[in-house]
Amino acid sequence: MARADTTAAAQRDTAPAQADEWRLRYMVGDLTHYTEWTTDFPTVENYYEQYRRGDYAHDVAIERRAVVER
């Protein structure tokens, strides 16, 4: 059976902080769609403008991934 690493280093080390990531959320009809998470905000912003002005998508929003620390 595997055991958790209970050393002091394992208890104090946390995952490295991630860069900010964004994705686009939009609806087509009754279905919600999402793009992939990316650190390239200008790309997401460009998609936002295209989808917001288009005729087929509605409820377009940019979402930011948050890192929650305990």
N, C-alpha and C. Protein backbone atom coordinates (compact mmCIF):
# COMPACT_ATOMS: atom_id res chain seq x y z
N MET A 1 0.85 -1.17 0.00
CA MET A 1 0.00 0.00 0.00
C MET A 1 0.90 1.24 0.00
N ALA A 2 0.58 2.22 -0.79
CA ALA A 2 1.34 3.46 -0.86
C ALA A 2 1.00 4.35 0.32
N ARG A 3 2.01 5.10 0.77
CA ARG A 3 1.81 6.02 1.89
C ARG A 3 2.14 7.44 1.45
N ALA A 4 1.47 8.39 2.03
CA ALA A 4 1.72 9.80 1.71
C ALA A 4 3.07 10.22 2.28
N ASP A 5 3.73 11.12 1.60
CA ASP A 5 4.99 11.67 2.05
C ASP A 5 4.71 12.67 3.17
N THR A 6 5.13 12.36 4.39
CA THR A 6 4.83 13.22 5.52
C THR A 6 6.04 14.04 5.98
N THR A 7 7.05 14.16 5.14
CA THR A 7 8.21 14.96 5.52
C THR A 7 7.84 16.43 5.60
N ALA A 8 8.64 17.19 6.32
CA ALA A 8 8.37 18.62 6.49
C ALA A 8 8.39 19.35 5.15
N ALA A 9 9.29 18.95 4.25
CA ALA A 9 9.37 19.60 2.94
C ALA A 9 8.08 19.40 2.15
N ALA A 10 7.52 18.22 2.23
CA ALA A 10 6.28 17.94 1.49
C ALA A 10 5.11 18.73 2.07
N GLN A 11 5.15 19.01 3.34
CA GLN A 11 4.04 19.73 3.97
C GLN A 11 4.09 21.22 3.68
N ARG A 12 5.28 21.79 3.48
CA ARG A 12 5.37 23.23 3.27
C ARG A 12 5.43 23.62 1.81
N ASP A 13 5.84 22.70 0.92
CA ASP A 13 5.93 23.01 -0.50
C ASP A 13 4.55 23.04 -1.12
N THR A 14 4.33 24.04 -1.93
CA THR A 14 3.06 24.15 -2.64
C THR A 14 3.33 24.15 -4.13
N ALA A 15 2.31 23.99 -4.88
CA ALA A 15 2.46 24.04 -6.34
C ALA A 15 2.88 25.44 -6.73
N PRO A 16 3.72 25.56 -7.75
CA PRO A 16 4.14 26.89 -8.18
C PRO A 16 2.94 27.68 -8.69
N ALA A 17 3.00 28.98 -8.50
CA ALA A 17 1.91 29.84 -8.97
C ALA A 17 1.80 29.76 -10.48
N GLN A 18 0.61 29.60 -10.97
CA GLN A 18 0.39 29.51 -12.40
C GLN A 18 0.18 30.91 -12.97
N ALA A 19 0.53 31.04 -14.20
CA ALA A 19 0.27 32.30 -14.90
C ALA A 19 -1.25 32.46 -15.06
N ASP A 20 -1.68 33.67 -15.20
CA ASP A 20 -3.11 33.91 -15.42
C ASP A 20 -3.54 33.20 -16.70
N GLU A 21 -4.72 32.60 -16.64
CA GLU A 21 -5.27 31.92 -17.81
C GLU A 21 -6.70 32.38 -18.02
N TRP A 22 -7.08 32.46 -19.27
CA TRP A 22 -8.42 32.89 -19.65
C TRP A 22 -9.02 31.93 -20.66
N ARG A 23 -10.36 31.95 -20.72
CA ARG A 23 -11.08 31.21 -21.76
C ARG A 23 -12.35 31.99 -22.07
N LEU A 24 -12.95 31.63 -23.18
CA LEU A 24 -14.18 32.28 -23.60
C LEU A 24 -15.35 31.33 -23.35
N ARG A 25 -16.42 31.85 -22.76
CA ARG A 25 -17.65 31.08 -22.57
C ARG A 25 -18.71 31.74 -23.43
N TYR A 26 -19.43 30.94 -24.20
CA TYR A 26 -20.49 31.50 -25.03
C TYR A 26 -21.58 30.45 -25.22
N MET A 27 -22.75 30.92 -25.57
CA MET A 27 -23.87 30.01 -25.78
C MET A 27 -24.31 30.06 -27.23
N VAL A 28 -24.65 28.88 -27.73
CA VAL A 28 -25.25 28.74 -29.06
C VAL A 28 -26.54 27.97 -28.81
N GLY A 29 -27.65 28.65 -28.99
CA GLY A 29 -28.93 28.03 -28.63
C GLY A 29 -28.98 27.86 -27.12
N ASP A 30 -29.24 26.62 -26.68
CA ASP A 30 -29.28 26.33 -25.24
C ASP A 30 -28.00 25.69 -24.73
N LEU A 31 -26.99 25.54 -25.59
CA LEU A 31 -25.75 24.87 -25.20
C LEU A 31 -24.65 25.87 -24.88
N THR A 32 -23.96 25.62 -23.78
CA THR A 32 -22.83 26.46 -23.38
C THR A 32 -21.55 25.84 -23.93
N HIS A 33 -20.72 26.67 -24.53
CA HIS A 33 -19.44 26.23 -25.10
C HIS A 33 -18.31 26.99 -24.43
N TYR A 34 -17.13 26.36 -24.40
CA TYR A 34 -15.94 26.97 -23.81
C TYR A 34 -14.76 26.76 -24.75
N THR A 35 -13.86 27.75 -24.80
CA THR A 35 -12.60 27.54 -25.50
C THR A 35 -11.62 26.94 -24.51
N GLU A 36 -10.44 26.56 -24.98
CA GLU A 36 -9.41 26.03 -24.10
C GLU A 36 -8.84 27.15 -23.23
N TRP A 37 -8.34 26.79 -22.05
CA TRP A 37 -7.64 27.76 -21.22
C TRP A 37 -6.35 28.16 -21.92
N THR A 38 -6.02 29.45 -21.88
CA THR A 38 -4.79 29.93 -22.50
C THR A 38 -4.25 31.13 -21.72
N THR A 39 -2.94 31.33 -21.81
CA THR A 39 -2.33 32.50 -21.19
C THR A 39 -2.28 33.67 -22.16
N ASP A 40 -2.71 33.45 -23.39
CA ASP A 40 -2.67 34.47 -24.43
C ASP A 40 -3.97 35.28 -24.42
N PHE A 41 -4.03 36.30 -23.57
CA PHE A 41 -5.25 37.09 -23.42
C PHE A 41 -5.68 37.78 -24.72
N PRO A 42 -4.76 38.35 -25.52
CA PRO A 42 -5.21 39.01 -26.75
C PRO A 42 -6.00 38.08 -27.69
N THR A 43 -5.67 36.81 -27.72
CA THR A 43 -6.42 35.87 -28.55
C THR A 43 -7.84 35.71 -28.02
N VAL A 44 -7.98 35.54 -26.72
CA VAL A 44 -9.31 35.39 -26.12
C VAL A 44 -10.12 36.66 -26.32
N GLU A 45 -9.48 37.80 -26.17
CA GLU A 45 -10.16 39.08 -26.37
C GLU A 45 -10.64 39.23 -27.81
N ASN A 46 -9.83 38.77 -28.76
CA ASN A 46 -10.20 38.82 -30.17
C ASN A 46 -11.41 37.92 -30.44
N TYR A 47 -11.40 36.70 -29.90
CA TYR A 47 -12.55 35.82 -30.04
C TYR A 47 -13.79 36.45 -29.43
N TYR A 48 -13.63 37.08 -28.28
CA TYR A 48 -14.75 37.73 -27.61
C TYR A 48 -15.42 38.75 -28.54
N GLU A 49 -14.61 39.60 -29.15
CA GLU A 49 -15.15 40.62 -30.05
C GLU A 49 -15.85 39.99 -31.25
N GLN A 50 -15.26 38.94 -31.81
CA GLN A 50 -15.87 38.28 -32.97
C GLN A 50 -17.20 37.62 -32.60
N TYR A 51 -17.22 36.90 -31.49
CA TYR A 51 -18.43 36.19 -31.10
C TYR A 51 -19.51 37.16 -30.65
N ARG A 52 -19.13 38.22 -29.96
CA ARG A 52 -20.10 39.20 -29.46
C ARG A 52 -20.81 39.88 -30.62
N ARG A 53 -20.09 40.13 -31.70
CA ARG A 53 -20.67 40.80 -32.86
C ARG A 53 -21.36 39.85 -33.83
N GLY A 54 -21.11 38.56 -33.68
CA GLY A 54 -21.71 37.58 -34.58
C GLY A 54 -23.18 37.35 -34.28
N ASP A 55 -23.82 36.63 -35.17
CA ASP A 55 -25.25 36.38 -35.03
C ASP A 55 -25.60 35.07 -34.34
N TYR A 56 -24.66 34.13 -34.26
CA TYR A 56 -25.02 32.80 -33.77
C TYR A 56 -24.74 32.58 -32.29
N ALA A 57 -23.89 33.36 -31.65
CA ALA A 57 -23.57 33.16 -30.24
C ALA A 57 -24.18 34.28 -29.40
N HIS A 58 -24.50 33.95 -28.15
CA HIS A 58 -24.99 34.95 -27.22
C HIS A 58 -24.43 34.64 -25.84
N ASP A 59 -24.61 35.55 -24.89
CA ASP A 59 -24.06 35.41 -23.53
C ASP A 59 -22.56 35.12 -23.57
N VAL A 60 -21.83 35.92 -24.31
CA VAL A 60 -20.40 35.74 -24.47
C VAL A 60 -19.69 36.40 -23.30
N ALA A 61 -18.74 35.68 -22.69
CA ALA A 61 -18.01 36.22 -21.54
C ALA A 61 -16.60 35.65 -21.50
N ILE A 62 -15.67 36.45 -21.00
CA ILE A 62 -14.30 35.99 -20.78
C ILE A 62 -14.21 35.55 -19.32
N GLU A 63 -13.68 34.34 -19.10
CA GLU A 63 -13.51 33.82 -17.74
C GLU A 63 -12.02 33.74 -17.42
N ARG A 64 -11.69 34.03 -16.17
CA ARG A 64 -10.31 33.96 -15.72
C ARG A 64 -10.19 32.83 -14.72
N ARG A 65 -9.16 32.01 -14.89
CA ARG A 65 -8.92 30.90 -13.97
C ARG A 65 -8.25 31.44 -12.72
N ALA A 66 -8.81 31.11 -11.58
CA ALA A 66 -8.27 31.56 -10.31
C ALA A 66 -7.58 30.39 -9.61
N VAL A 67 -6.47 30.68 -8.96
CA VAL A 67 -5.76 29.69 -8.18
C VAL A 67 -6.13 29.93 -6.72
N VAL A 68 -6.73 28.92 -6.10
CA VAL A 68 -7.16 29.04 -4.72
C VAL A 68 -6.13 28.35 -3.83
N GLU A 69 -5.61 29.08 -2.87
CA GLU A 69 -4.63 28.51 -1.95
C GLU A 69 -5.29 28.24 -0.62
N ARG A 70 -4.86 27.19 0.01
CA ARG A 70 -5.41 26.82 1.32
C ARG A 70 -4.57 27.38 2.42
